[in-house]
């Protein structure tokens, strides 16, 4: 259900914004959250009555939404690239 350390470090490496970024940048955080959201969505398909996980999922979605709004406000081109790479929005 959760992502492994190796998967998380791969995502951070793929989406880091500077050489010294260890996952703190907004883009890296969005990438990790997206992976966690996808995993939890699969869990919710099989366990639709799991209210605690549903709440966690909603919190993650909201946090990702806020981070994406922050990126869009500061750099529209970076925002467009990020949602394209992650496969968000149609």
Protein backbone atom coordinates (compact mmCIF):
# COMPACT_ATOMS: atom_id res chain seq x y z
CA UNK A 1 0.00 0.00 0.00
CA UNK A 2 2.79 2.46 0.80
CA UNK A 3 5.67 3.23 -1.51
CA UNK A 4 9.15 1.86 -0.88
CA UNK A 5 12.19 4.02 -0.10
CA UNK A 6 13.68 3.01 -3.44
CA UNK A 7 10.58 4.09 -5.39
CA UNK A 8 10.44 7.38 -3.48
CA UNK A 9 14.12 8.15 -4.19
CA UNK A 10 13.57 7.32 -7.89
CA UNK A 11 10.65 9.77 -8.02
CA UNK A 12 12.64 12.48 -6.23
CA UNK A 13 15.57 11.97 -8.62
CA UNK A 14 13.28 12.22 -11.63
CA UNK A 15 11.50 15.38 -10.48
CA UNK A 16 14.14 17.28 -8.52
CA UNK A 17 14.53 20.94 -9.40
CA UNK A 18 18.13 21.50 -8.21
CA UNK A 19 21.19 19.35 -7.74
CA UNK A 20 20.81 19.39 -3.94
CA UNK A 21 17.08 18.61 -3.90
CA UNK A 22 16.33 15.67 -1.59
CA UNK A 23 12.58 15.70 -2.01
CA UNK A 24 11.77 19.08 -0.53
CA UNK A 25 10.81 20.86 -3.73
CA UNK A 26 7.15 21.18 -4.58
CA UNK A 27 7.57 19.17 -7.79
CA UNK A 28 9.17 16.26 -5.92
CA UNK A 29 6.47 16.34 -3.27
CA UNK A 30 3.73 16.29 -5.93
CA UNK A 31 5.35 13.30 -7.65
CA UNK A 32 5.56 11.31 -4.40
CA UNK A 33 2.02 12.26 -3.41
CA UNK A 34 0.73 11.22 -6.82
CA UNK A 35 2.30 7.78 -6.44
CA UNK A 36 0.83 7.41 -2.93
CA UNK A 37 -2.59 8.54 -4.17
CA UNK A 38 -2.53 5.97 -6.99
CA UNK A 39 -1.63 3.18 -4.55
CA UNK A 40 -4.31 4.20 -2.08
CA UNK A 41 -6.89 4.50 -4.85
CA UNK A 42 -6.27 0.86 -5.75
CA UNK A 43 -6.67 -0.09 -2.09
CA UNK A 44 -9.96 1.82 -1.90
CA UNK A 45 -11.36 -0.06 -4.90
CA UNK A 46 -11.16 -3.31 -2.92
CA UNK A 47 -11.89 -1.83 0.52
CA UNK A 48 -14.56 0.78 -0.09
CA UNK A 49 -15.69 0.80 3.56
CA UNK A 50 -12.25 1.77 4.88
CA UNK A 51 -13.14 5.25 6.15
CA UNK A 52 -9.75 5.93 7.75
CA UNK A 53 -7.90 5.35 4.50
CA UNK A 54 -10.50 7.41 2.63
CA UNK A 55 -9.77 10.36 4.91
CA UNK A 56 -6.03 9.96 4.35
CA UNK A 57 -6.62 9.84 0.60
CA UNK A 58 -8.65 13.04 0.69
CA UNK A 59 -5.95 14.78 2.73
CA UNK A 60 -3.28 13.73 0.23
CA UNK A 61 -5.36 14.88 -2.73
CA UNK A 62 -5.92 18.24 -1.06
CA UNK A 63 -2.21 18.66 -0.24
CA UNK A 64 -1.30 17.85 -3.86
CA UNK A 65 -3.90 20.35 -5.07
CA UNK A 66 -2.37 23.09 -2.90
CA UNK A 67 1.17 22.28 -4.06
CA UNK A 68 0.07 22.33 -7.70
CA UNK A 69 -1.61 25.71 -7.17
CA UNK A 70 1.65 27.01 -5.68
CA UNK A 71 3.68 25.75 -8.67
CA UNK A 72 1.17 27.20 -11.14
CA UNK A 73 1.30 30.59 -9.39
CA UNK A 74 5.12 30.73 -9.53
CA UNK A 75 5.85 29.08 -12.88
CA UNK A 76 3.13 28.17 -15.36
CA UNK A 77 5.54 26.37 -17.69
CA UNK A 78 6.88 24.18 -14.87
CA UNK A 79 3.28 23.41 -13.90
CA UNK A 80 2.39 22.34 -17.44
CA UNK A 81 5.47 20.11 -17.69
CA UNK A 82 4.77 18.51 -14.31
CA UNK A 83 1.14 17.59 -14.97
CA UNK A 84 2.12 16.24 -18.38
CA UNK A 85 4.88 14.04 -16.88
CA UNK A 86 2.63 12.74 -14.13
CA UNK A 87 -0.35 12.14 -16.40
CA UNK A 88 -2.69 14.35 -14.39
CA UNK A 89 -5.62 16.10 -16.06
CA UNK A 90 -6.72 15.43 -19.60
